[in-house]
Amino acid sequence: MGHAAAPLRVTATTGMIADTASNVAGALAEVTALMGPGVDPHGYRQTRSDIVTLTRGDVALRNGLHLEAQLEDLFETLSSRVPVVPVAEAIPETDILYNTVYEGRPDPHVWMVPRLWRHAVEATRDALTDLRPEEADTFAANTEAYLAQLDALQAYATDVLATVPEPARVLVTAHDAFGYFGAEYGFEVMGIQGISTESEAGLQRIAALVDALVTRGIGAVFVESSVSDRNVRALIEGAASRGADVRIGGELFSDAMGQPGTYEGTWIGMIDHNVTTICKALGGTAPDRGMNGKLNAGI
């Protein structure tokens, strides 16, 4: 009598990828995320335990698009021993945004739009199927169920964000993590830092943003869970010195999800939280507890 195969050992860089892999694999995999809540992937450097986890795993799932910039050499070395799959690079080239400051550098924050993240979900399914072709039907069924949730989230985001008055569709955040969000839903995005938190926010940039807040009457700016709020508070103080009342519209999840065991600690919950928070802070109409009625209520 045969024995059931041991669960696949899947290592993911970010929580978003780990959560996706867990939904696709179900009980057929043990998924470990290297980076937890509040961790900035742009500057993350591997620990000794990370290296052990990666080398003992069956597959390593990463975002790619230069998100994990400090881990590039590690993954190149690892790829000779373990499959390394950059799931976000499955997104069509025509949908990739590029940085205007660092020429040729892709914007890696594709998980902000459910329509785009579908490609990463499918790439995850394919990576797991390559390892366990005998479980292809299970992976396919789990993926279809998860994609249905993505479609619902995409529809929710489109509907509620359309209620934000057009002049108010300006999103000011700590760094440029919301480019795909802005392009998808018609928001102008102003990040204090560039697409990487490794870039410095100069006084000139902060002064220019303060001027924009004051002259355009922008009343809310947003902090991020994985980025210091120092620069955002400098904006508020600068605007106040010129007589403008600017407030923090809420904390957004940009490069990391919420706490484990909470709804916001899932990718669906993370995006639901961002969409709902942005909508309500900028004058739109959205349910207090989001698409699924779960925001701020655990899972």
Protein backbone atom coordinates (compact mmCIF):
# COMPACT_ATOMS: atom_id res chain seq x y z
CA MET A 1 0.00 0.00 0.00
CA GLY A 2 1.47 3.38 -1.06
CA HIS A 3 2.16 6.21 1.27
CA ALA A 4 1.04 9.79 0.63
CA ALA A 5 3.86 12.00 -0.54
CA ALA A 6 5.27 14.44 1.99
CA PRO A 7 4.04 18.02 1.58
CA LEU A 8 6.07 20.16 -0.78
CA ARG A 9 8.42 22.56 0.98
CA VAL A 10 7.78 25.94 -0.60
CA THR A 11 9.80 29.02 0.29
CA ALA A 12 8.47 32.43 -0.73
CA THR A 13 10.19 35.77 -0.33
CA THR A 14 7.19 37.95 0.55
CA GLY A 15 4.00 37.33 2.45
CA MET A 16 1.95 38.07 -0.66
CA ILE A 17 3.62 35.24 -2.56
CA ALA A 18 3.46 32.88 0.41
CA ASP A 19 -0.26 33.49 0.85
CA THR A 20 -0.82 32.91 -2.86
CA ALA A 21 1.13 29.65 -2.72
CA SER A 22 -0.85 28.50 0.32
CA ASN A 23 -4.12 29.08 -1.51
CA VAL A 24 -2.93 27.25 -4.62
CA ALA A 25 -1.32 24.31 -2.80
CA GLY A 26 -3.77 23.84 0.05
CA ALA A 27 -2.71 20.95 2.25
CA LEU A 28 -0.18 19.71 -0.32
CA ALA A 29 2.56 22.14 0.72
CA GLU A 30 4.22 23.70 3.74
CA VAL A 31 4.86 27.33 2.81
CA THR A 32 7.44 29.54 4.52
CA ALA A 33 7.76 33.29 3.95
CA LEU A 34 11.20 34.83 4.45
CA MET A 35 9.79 38.32 5.05
CA GLY A 36 7.08 38.99 7.59
CA PRO A 37 4.81 41.96 8.40
CA GLY A 38 6.51 45.35 8.31
CA VAL A 39 9.56 44.03 6.44
CA ASP A 40 10.80 46.03 3.45
CA PRO A 41 11.80 43.66 0.62
CA HIS A 42 13.80 46.29 -1.28
CA GLY A 43 16.60 46.29 1.25
CA TYR A 44 16.15 42.85 2.77
CA ARG A 45 19.31 40.76 3.16
CA GLN A 46 19.28 37.05 3.80
CA THR A 47 20.00 35.55 7.20
CA ARG A 48 21.75 32.24 7.82
CA SER A 49 18.41 30.62 8.60
CA ASP A 50 17.01 31.92 5.29
CA ILE A 51 19.79 30.16 3.40
CA VAL A 52 19.08 26.91 5.24
CA THR A 53 15.35 27.20 4.54
CA LEU A 54 15.92 27.92 0.86
CA THR A 55 18.35 25.10 0.28
CA ARG A 56 16.15 22.57 2.05
CA GLY A 57 13.06 23.60 0.12
CA ASP A 58 11.62 22.03 -3.03
CA VAL A 59 11.05 25.38 -4.76
CA ALA A 60 11.73 29.06 -4.12
CA LEU A 61 9.09 31.55 -5.23
CA ARG A 62 10.18 35.16 -5.60
CA ASN A 63 8.57 38.28 -7.00
CA GLY A 64 11.30 39.24 -9.44
CA LEU A 65 11.25 42.55 -11.34
CA HIS A 66 14.15 43.59 -9.09
CA LEU A 67 12.02 43.70 -5.92
CA GLU A 68 14.40 41.53 -3.90
CA ALA A 69 17.40 43.55 -5.06
CA GLN A 70 19.76 42.42 -2.31
CA LEU A 71 19.02 38.72 -2.89
CA GLU A 72 19.85 38.56 -6.60
CA ASP A 73 23.23 36.84 -6.15
CA LEU A 74 21.79 34.39 -3.63
CA PHE A 75 19.04 33.29 -6.01
CA GLU A 76 21.47 32.94 -8.90
CA THR A 77 23.56 30.56 -6.79
CA LEU A 78 20.50 28.75 -5.41
CA SER A 79 19.02 28.13 -8.87
CA SER A 80 21.60 25.41 -9.54
CA ARG A 81 20.12 23.37 -6.66
CA VAL A 82 16.47 24.38 -6.33
CA PRO A 83 13.95 25.76 -8.87
CA VAL A 84 13.69 29.53 -8.42
CA VAL A 85 10.53 31.02 -9.94
CA PRO A 86 9.98 34.80 -10.30
CA VAL A 87 6.18 34.65 -10.29
CA ALA A 88 5.54 38.35 -11.00
CA GLU A 89 7.57 38.14 -14.19
CA ALA A 90 4.73 36.09 -15.68
CA ILE A 91 2.84 39.36 -16.13
CA PRO A 92 2.78 40.43 -19.79
CA GLU A 93 5.50 42.90 -20.74
CA THR A 94 2.84 45.29 -22.05
CA ASP A 95 1.47 45.64 -18.49
CA ILE A 96 4.81 46.36 -16.80
CA LEU A 97 5.47 49.93 -15.72
CA TYR A 98 8.97 51.38 -15.75
CA ASN A 99 10.70 53.87 -13.49
CA THR A 100 11.29 57.25 -15.04
CA VAL A 101 14.26 57.96 -12.76
CA TYR A 102 16.14 54.67 -13.11
CA GLU A 103 15.90 54.06 -16.84
CA GLY A 104 14.89 50.53 -17.71
CA ARG A 105 14.08 49.54 -14.12
CA PRO A 106 10.68 47.83 -13.84
CA ASP A 107 8.21 48.74 -11.12
CA PRO A 108 7.88 45.50 -9.11
CA HIS A 109 4.69 46.34 -7.16
CA VAL A 110 2.35 44.36 -9.42
CA TRP A 111 0.46 42.72 -6.53
CA MET A 112 -1.46 45.98 -6.02
CA VAL A 113 -3.88 45.11 -8.84
CA PRO A 114 -5.81 41.80 -8.72
CA ARG A 115 -6.15 41.69 -12.51
CA LEU A 116 -2.37 41.63 -12.82
CA TRP A 117 -1.76 39.31 -9.86
CA ARG A 118 -3.76 36.62 -11.65
CA HIS A 119 -0.64 35.93 -13.73
CA ALA A 120 1.43 35.39 -10.58
CA VAL A 121 -1.20 33.01 -9.22
CA GLU A 122 -1.10 31.00 -12.44
CA ALA A 123 2.72 30.98 -12.43
CA THR A 124 2.59 29.62 -8.88
CA ARG A 125 0.18 26.88 -9.98
CA ASP A 126 2.48 25.95 -12.86
CA ALA A 127 5.56 25.83 -10.62
CA LEU A 128 3.86 23.49 -8.16
CA THR A 129 2.44 21.34 -10.95
CA ASP A 130 5.92 20.90 -12.42
CA LEU A 131 7.02 19.45 -9.08
CA ARG A 132 3.93 17.30 -8.48
CA PRO A 133 2.23 16.61 -11.84
CA GLU A 134 0.11 13.92 -10.20
CA GLU A 135 -1.58 16.69 -8.16
CA ALA A 136 -2.31 18.88 -11.17
CA ASP A 137 -6.08 18.60 -10.80
CA THR A 138 -5.97 19.71 -7.17
CA PHE A 139 -3.71 22.66 -7.93
CA ALA A 140 -5.97 23.64 -10.83
CA ALA A 141 -9.15 23.48 -8.74
CA ASN A 142 -7.60 25.49 -5.90
CA THR A 143 -6.35 28.06 -8.39
CA GLU A 144 -9.76 28.50 -10.01
CA ALA A 145 -11.38 29.03 -6.60
CA TYR A 146 -8.73 31.59 -5.66
CA LEU A 147 -8.98 33.40 -8.99
CA ALA A 148 -12.70 33.81 -8.40
CA GLN A 149 -11.83 35.73 -5.23
CA LEU A 150 -9.39 37.90 -7.22
CA ASP A 151 -12.09 38.69 -9.75
CA ALA A 152 -14.47 39.72 -6.97
CA LEU A 153 -11.78 41.93 -5.43
CA GLN A 154 -11.02 43.54 -8.78
CA ALA A 155 -14.72 44.33 -9.26
CA TYR A 156 -15.02 45.71 -5.71
CA ALA A 157 -11.99 47.96 -6.16
CA THR A 158 -13.23 49.27 -9.49
CA ASP A 159 -16.69 50.03 -8.12
CA VAL A 160 -15.81 51.74 -4.82
CA LEU A 161 -12.83 53.72 -6.13
CA ALA A 162 -15.06 55.15 -8.85
CA THR A 163 -17.00 56.89 -6.06
CA VAL A 164 -13.98 59.06 -5.14
CA PRO A 165 -14.53 62.52 -6.65
CA GLU A 166 -12.18 62.97 -9.61
CA PRO A 167 -10.36 66.03 -8.19
CA ALA A 168 -9.59 64.02 -5.04
CA ARG A 169 -8.01 61.09 -6.87
CA VAL A 170 -4.50 61.95 -5.74
CA LEU A 171 -2.60 59.39 -3.68
CA VAL A 172 0.38 60.71 -1.70
CA THR A 173 2.41 57.97 0.00
CA ALA A 174 5.82 57.28 1.50
CA HIS A 175 7.23 55.64 -1.64
CA ASP A 176 6.10 54.86 -5.16
CA ALA A 177 4.48 51.49 -4.48
CA PHE A 178 1.11 52.41 -5.96
CA GLY A 179 1.94 53.06 -9.62
CA TYR A 180 -0.04 50.06 -10.85
CA PHE A 181 -2.90 50.97 -8.53
CA GLY A 182 -3.00 54.51 -9.94
CA ALA A 183 -2.84 53.38 -13.55
CA GLU A 184 -5.60 50.82 -13.03
CA TYR A 185 -8.08 52.96 -11.11
CA GLY A 186 -7.36 56.46 -12.40
CA PHE A 187 -5.41 57.96 -9.48
CA GLU A 188 -2.46 60.30 -9.66
CA VAL A 189 0.23 58.85 -7.41
CA MET A 190 2.89 60.92 -5.66
CA GLY A 191 5.52 59.01 -3.70
CA ILE A 192 8.03 60.81 -1.52
CA GLN A 193 10.63 58.18 -2.38
CA GLY A 194 11.01 56.29 -5.64
CA ILE A 195 9.87 52.73 -6.32
CA SER A 196 12.58 51.48 -3.97
CA THR A 197 12.76 52.54 -0.35
CA GLU A 198 16.53 52.48 -0.81
CA SER A 199 16.26 55.84 -2.60
CA GLU A 200 16.57 59.01 -0.55
CA ALA A 201 13.84 61.63 -0.32
CA GLY A 202 15.56 64.98 -0.70
CA LEU A 203 14.43 68.28 0.75
CA GLN A 204 13.64 69.48 -2.75
CA ARG A 205 11.23 66.58 -3.32
CA ILE A 206 9.50 67.16 0.01
CA ALA A 207 9.20 70.90 -0.70
CA ALA A 208 7.65 70.17 -4.10
CA LEU A 209 5.10 67.82 -2.57
CA VAL A 210 4.23 70.31 0.17
CA ASP A 211 3.60 72.87 -2.55
CA ALA A 212 1.32 70.40 -4.35
CA LEU A 213 -0.63 69.65 -1.18
CA VAL A 214 -1.20 73.34 -0.50
CA THR A 215 -1.94 74.60 -3.99
CA ARG A 216 -4.18 71.69 -4.97
CA GLY A 217 -5.99 71.38 -1.66
CA ILE A 218 -5.05 67.74 -1.07
CA GLY A 219 -6.32 66.93 2.39
CA ALA A 220 -4.99 63.43 3.08
CA VAL A 221 -1.70 61.58 2.77
CA PHE A 222 -0.91 57.97 3.66
CA VAL A 223 1.74 56.16 5.67
CA GLU A 224 2.87 52.62 4.88
CA SER A 225 3.30 49.68 7.21
CA SER A 226 6.79 48.80 5.91
CA VAL A 227 8.20 52.33 5.54
CA SER A 228 9.07 54.93 8.17
CA ASP A 229 6.43 57.66 8.53
CA ARG A 230 9.08 60.34 9.08
CA ASN A 231 8.85 61.85 5.60
CA VAL A 232 5.06 61.76 5.53
CA ARG A 233 4.93 63.67 8.81
CA ALA A 234 7.39 66.19 7.37
CA LEU A 235 4.88 66.80 4.57
CA ILE A 236 2.06 67.41 7.04
CA GLU A 237 4.20 69.80 9.08
CA GLY A 238 5.31 71.63 5.95
CA ALA A 239 1.73 72.05 4.78
CA ALA A 240 0.65 73.23 8.24
CA SER A 241 3.34 75.91 8.20
CA ARG A 242 1.62 77.29 5.12
CA GLY A 243 -1.83 77.17 6.65
CA ALA A 244 -3.04 73.93 5.07
CA ASP A 245 -4.78 71.22 7.07
CA VAL A 246 -3.46 67.88 5.84
CA ARG A 247 -4.11 64.67 7.79
CA ILE A 248 -2.98 61.07 7.62
CA GLY A 249 -5.69 59.22 5.72
CA GLY A 250 -4.61 55.86 7.09
CA GLU A 251 -1.87 53.26 7.00
CA LEU A 252 -1.55 51.27 3.80
CA PHE A 253 0.07 47.89 3.23
CA SER A 254 2.58 48.36 0.44
CA ASP A 255 5.46 45.86 0.48
CA ALA A 256 4.19 43.62 3.28
CA MET A 257 0.85 42.34 4.55
CA GLY A 258 -0.75 42.69 7.97
CA GLN A 259 -0.21 40.51 11.02
CA PRO A 260 -0.56 36.72 10.69
CA GLY A 261 -3.92 35.43 11.83
CA THR A 262 -5.77 38.56 10.70
CA TYR A 263 -7.74 39.17 7.53
CA GLU A 264 -5.28 41.94 6.65
CA GLY A 265 -2.56 39.32 6.97
CA THR A 266 -3.83 37.72 3.77
CA TRP A 267 -3.23 39.12 0.28
CA ILE A 268 -6.98 39.51 -0.33
CA GLY A 269 -7.38 41.31 3.00
CA MET A 270 -4.35 43.51 2.37
CA ILE A 271 -5.75 44.81 -0.92
CA ASP A 272 -9.29 45.10 0.47
CA HIS A 273 -7.87 47.21 3.32
CA ASN A 274 -5.92 49.48 0.96
CA VAL A 275 -8.82 50.01 -1.43
CA THR A 276 -11.32 50.67 1.34
CA THR A 277 -8.98 52.98 3.29
CA ILE A 278 -8.04 55.06 0.25
CA CYS A 279 -11.63 55.29 -0.91
CA LYS A 280 -13.02 56.51 2.41
CA ALA A 281 -10.14 58.89 3.17
CA LEU A 282 -10.47 60.63 -0.19
CA GLY A 283 -14.22 61.15 -0.07
CA GLY A 284 -15.54 57.99 -1.69
CA THR A 285 -18.10 55.52 -0.41
CA ALA A 286 -17.13 52.04 0.78
CA PRO A 287 -18.35 49.63 3.46
CA ASP A 288 -16.66 50.23 6.82
CA ARG A 289 -15.47 46.63 6.92
CA GLY A 290 -14.63 46.28 3.27
CA MET A 291 -15.63 43.85 0.58
CA ASN A 292 -16.04 40.82 2.83
CA GLY A 293 -17.06 42.56 6.05
CA LYS A 294 -13.83 41.33 7.66
CA LEU A 295 -11.62 44.40 7.99
CA ASN A 296 -10.44 44.99 11.57
CA ALA A 297 -12.27 41.86 12.64
CA GLY A 298 -9.65 39.12 12.36
CA ILE A 299 -10.25 36.23 10.00
